[in-house]
């Protein structure tokens, strides 16, 4: 049986991800979520108004 020598293992310290912009991502998610919800509500009422006219 061949004997293998252990090769040196290079160990690197993994940097923590930058968490400083997480608040901005949450803010954008809430902002565009509200814009989407308001748009859907406006379209709903417009559709009811237009469809009830005929």
C-alpha atoms as a PDB file:
ATOM      1  CA  UNK A   1       0.000   0.000   0.000  1.00  0.00           C
ATOM      2  CA  UNK A   2       1.370   3.418  -0.875  1.00  0.00           C
ATOM      3  CA  UNK A   3       1.836   5.861   1.960  1.00  0.00           C
ATOM      4  CA  UNK A   4       0.736   9.384   1.182  1.00  0.00           C
ATOM      5  CA  UNK A   5       2.236  12.339   2.925  1.00  0.00           C
ATOM      6  CA  UNK A   6      -0.192  14.846   4.298  1.00  0.00           C
ATOM      7  CA  UNK A   7      -0.232  18.002   2.263  1.00  0.00           C
ATOM      8  CA  UNK A   8      -0.360  21.286   4.131  1.00  0.00           C
ATOM      9  CA  UNK A   9      -3.832  22.760   4.247  1.00  0.00           C
ATOM     10  CA  UNK A  10      -4.145  26.472   3.692  1.00  0.00           C
ATOM     11  CA  UNK A  11      -6.667  27.970   6.058  1.00  0.00           C
ATOM     12  CA  UNK A  12      -8.119  31.362   5.299  1.00  0.00           C
ATOM     13  CA  UNK A  13     -10.307  33.476   7.517  1.00  0.00           C
ATOM     14  CA  UNK A  14     -13.617  34.128   5.806  1.00  0.00           C
ATOM     15  CA  UNK A  15     -14.748  37.710   6.197  1.00  0.00           C
ATOM     16  CA  UNK A  16     -18.238  38.354   7.481  1.00  0.00           C
ATOM     17  CA  UNK A  17     -20.600  39.746   4.840  1.00  0.00           C
ATOM     18  CA  UNK A  18     -21.228  43.466   4.991  1.00  0.00           C
ATOM     19  CA  UNK A  19     -24.529  43.948   6.806  1.00  0.00           C
ATOM     20  CA  UNK A  20     -24.626  47.752   6.682  1.00  0.00           C
ATOM     21  CA  UNK A  21     -27.102  47.943   3.771  1.00  0.00           C
ATOM     22  CA  UNK A  22     -29.672  45.437   5.063  1.00  0.00           C
ATOM     23  CA  UNK A  23     -31.833  48.265   6.354  1.00  0.00           C
ATOM     24  CA  UNK A  24     -31.972  49.859   2.919  1.00  0.00           C
ATOM     25  CA  UNK A  25     -33.055  46.598   1.303  1.00  0.00           C
ATOM     26  CA  UNK A  26     -35.864  46.213   3.829  1.00  0.00           C
ATOM     27  CA  UNK A  27     -36.889  49.818   3.281  1.00  0.00           C
ATOM     28  CA  UNK A  28     -37.022  49.312  -0.491  1.00  0.00           C
ATOM     29  CA  UNK A  29     -39.030  46.106  -0.079  1.00  0.00           C
ATOM     30  CA  UNK A  30     -41.634  47.849   2.082  1.00  0.00           C
ATOM     31  CA  UNK A  31     -41.702  50.933  -0.148  1.00  0.00           C
ATOM     32  CA  UNK A  32     -42.299  49.051  -3.397  1.00  0.00           C
ATOM     33  CA  UNK A  33     -44.667  46.646  -1.683  1.00  0.00           C
ATOM     34  CA  UNK A  34     -46.885  49.559  -0.649  1.00  0.00           C
ATOM     35  CA  UNK A  35     -46.677  51.064  -4.135  1.00  0.00           C
ATOM     36  CA  UNK A  36     -47.768  47.720  -5.596  1.00  0.00           C
ATOM     37  CA  UNK A  37     -50.636  47.370  -3.108  1.00  0.00           C
ATOM     38  CA  UNK A  38     -51.898  50.910  -3.769  1.00  0.00           C
ATOM     39  CA  UNK A  39     -51.719  50.323  -7.538  1.00  0.00           C
ATOM     40  CA  UNK A  40     -53.730  47.108  -7.231  1.00  0.00           C
ATOM     41  CA  UNK A  41     -56.370  48.834  -5.094  1.00  0.00           C
ATOM     42  CA  UNK A  42     -56.683  51.734  -7.559  1.00  0.00           C
ATOM     43  CA  UNK A  43     -56.992  49.339 -10.506  1.00  0.00           C
ATOM     44  CA  UNK A  44     -59.609  47.308  -8.605  1.00  0.00           C
ATOM     45  CA  UNK A  45     -61.785  50.354  -7.956  1.00  0.00           C
ATOM     46  CA  UNK A  46     -61.361  51.597 -11.524  1.00  0.00           C
ATOM     47  CA  UNK A  47     -62.350  48.198 -12.889  1.00  0.00           C
ATOM     48  CA  UNK A  48     -65.446  48.105 -10.664  1.00  0.00           C
ATOM     49  CA  UNK A  49     -66.395  51.612 -11.733  1.00  0.00           C
ATOM     50  CA  UNK A  50     -65.929  50.912 -15.455  1.00  0.00           C
ATOM     51  CA  UNK A  51     -67.622  47.505 -15.382  1.00  0.00           C
ATOM     52  CA  UNK A  52     -70.608  48.829 -13.416  1.00  0.00           C
ATOM     53  CA  UNK A  53     -71.185  51.563 -15.991  1.00  0.00           C
ATOM     54  CA  UNK A  54     -72.052  49.011 -18.715  1.00  0.00           C
END
